Amino acid sequence: MPRVRVEWLAIRTQDQREALARRITDAIVEVAHVRPEQVTVVFEEQRPELVIKGGVPWSEILERETME
């Protein structure tokens, strides 16, 4: 039973989670020849202030992007 972990920032909507999970599930069903109910997608969401890229917290990066 395939299990996929998606790690991303906790800034996405439930609709985005579900859409991504459907696409991941469809791809695994096609490639691995398993039934959709055998695929599990787990979202591990991180608060933007806890993820740092290039020494800068993602919360600051996102804040800058909204100001541009």
Protein backbone atom coordinates (compact mmCIF):
# COMPACT_ATOMS: atom_id res chain seq x y z
CA MET A 1 0.00 0.00 0.00
CA PRO A 2 1.73 3.18 -1.16
CA ARG A 3 1.97 6.03 1.33
CA VAL A 4 3.12 9.47 0.20
CA ARG A 5 4.14 12.30 2.51
CA VAL A 6 3.80 15.87 1.34
CA GLU A 7 5.70 18.43 3.36
CA TRP A 8 4.76 22.02 2.69
CA LEU A 9 3.94 25.29 4.34
CA ALA A 10 0.68 25.52 6.27
CA ILE A 11 -0.68 28.19 3.94
CA ARG A 12 -2.76 26.00 1.62
CA THR A 13 -6.51 25.43 1.60
CA GLN A 14 -8.35 22.18 2.09
CA ASP A 15 -9.37 22.33 -1.59
CA GLN A 16 -5.68 22.48 -2.57
CA ARG A 17 -4.84 19.52 -0.32
CA GLU A 18 -7.65 17.44 -1.81
CA ALA A 19 -6.78 18.36 -5.39
CA LEU A 20 -3.13 17.42 -4.88
CA ALA A 21 -4.07 14.18 -3.11
CA ARG A 22 -6.32 13.21 -6.04
CA ARG A 23 -3.55 13.82 -8.56
CA ILE A 24 -0.98 11.93 -6.51
CA THR A 25 -3.42 9.06 -6.05
CA ASP A 26 -4.22 8.94 -9.77
CA ALA A 27 -0.52 8.83 -10.67
CA ILE A 28 0.24 6.02 -8.23
CA VAL A 29 -2.78 4.03 -9.38
CA GLU A 30 -1.58 4.34 -12.99
CA VAL A 31 2.08 3.55 -12.35
CA ALA A 32 1.90 1.04 -9.49
CA HIS A 33 -1.32 -0.69 -10.58
CA VAL A 34 -3.01 -0.42 -7.20
CA ARG A 35 -6.54 0.55 -6.26
CA PRO A 36 -7.16 4.17 -5.18
CA GLU A 37 -8.23 3.04 -1.72
CA GLN A 38 -4.76 1.53 -1.23
CA VAL A 39 -3.06 4.93 -1.59
CA THR A 40 -2.56 7.16 1.44
CA VAL A 41 -1.44 10.77 1.18
CA VAL A 42 -0.25 12.44 4.39
CA PHE A 43 0.22 16.19 4.61
CA GLU A 44 2.86 17.42 7.01
CA GLU A 45 2.35 21.13 7.25
CA GLN A 46 4.89 23.47 8.72
CA ARG A 47 4.21 26.95 10.04
CA PRO A 48 6.03 29.45 7.78
CA GLU A 49 8.00 30.93 10.66
CA LEU A 50 9.50 27.50 11.41
CA VAL A 51 10.88 26.92 7.91
CA ILE A 52 13.95 28.95 7.01
CA LYS A 53 15.36 29.31 3.51
CA GLY A 54 18.69 31.00 2.98
CA GLY A 55 18.63 32.25 6.57
CA VAL A 56 15.24 33.91 6.15
CA PRO A 57 12.00 32.52 7.64
CA TRP A 58 9.34 31.76 5.07
CA SER A 59 6.96 34.03 6.96
CA GLU A 60 9.20 36.97 6.00
CA ILE A 61 9.59 35.76 2.42
CA LEU A 62 5.81 35.52 2.02
CA GLU A 63 5.31 38.91 3.63
CA ARG A 64 7.76 40.49 1.17
CA GLU A 65 5.99 38.85 -1.79
CA THR A 66 2.63 40.29 -0.79
CA MET A 67 4.18 43.78 -0.55
CA GLU A 68 5.54 43.68 -4.12
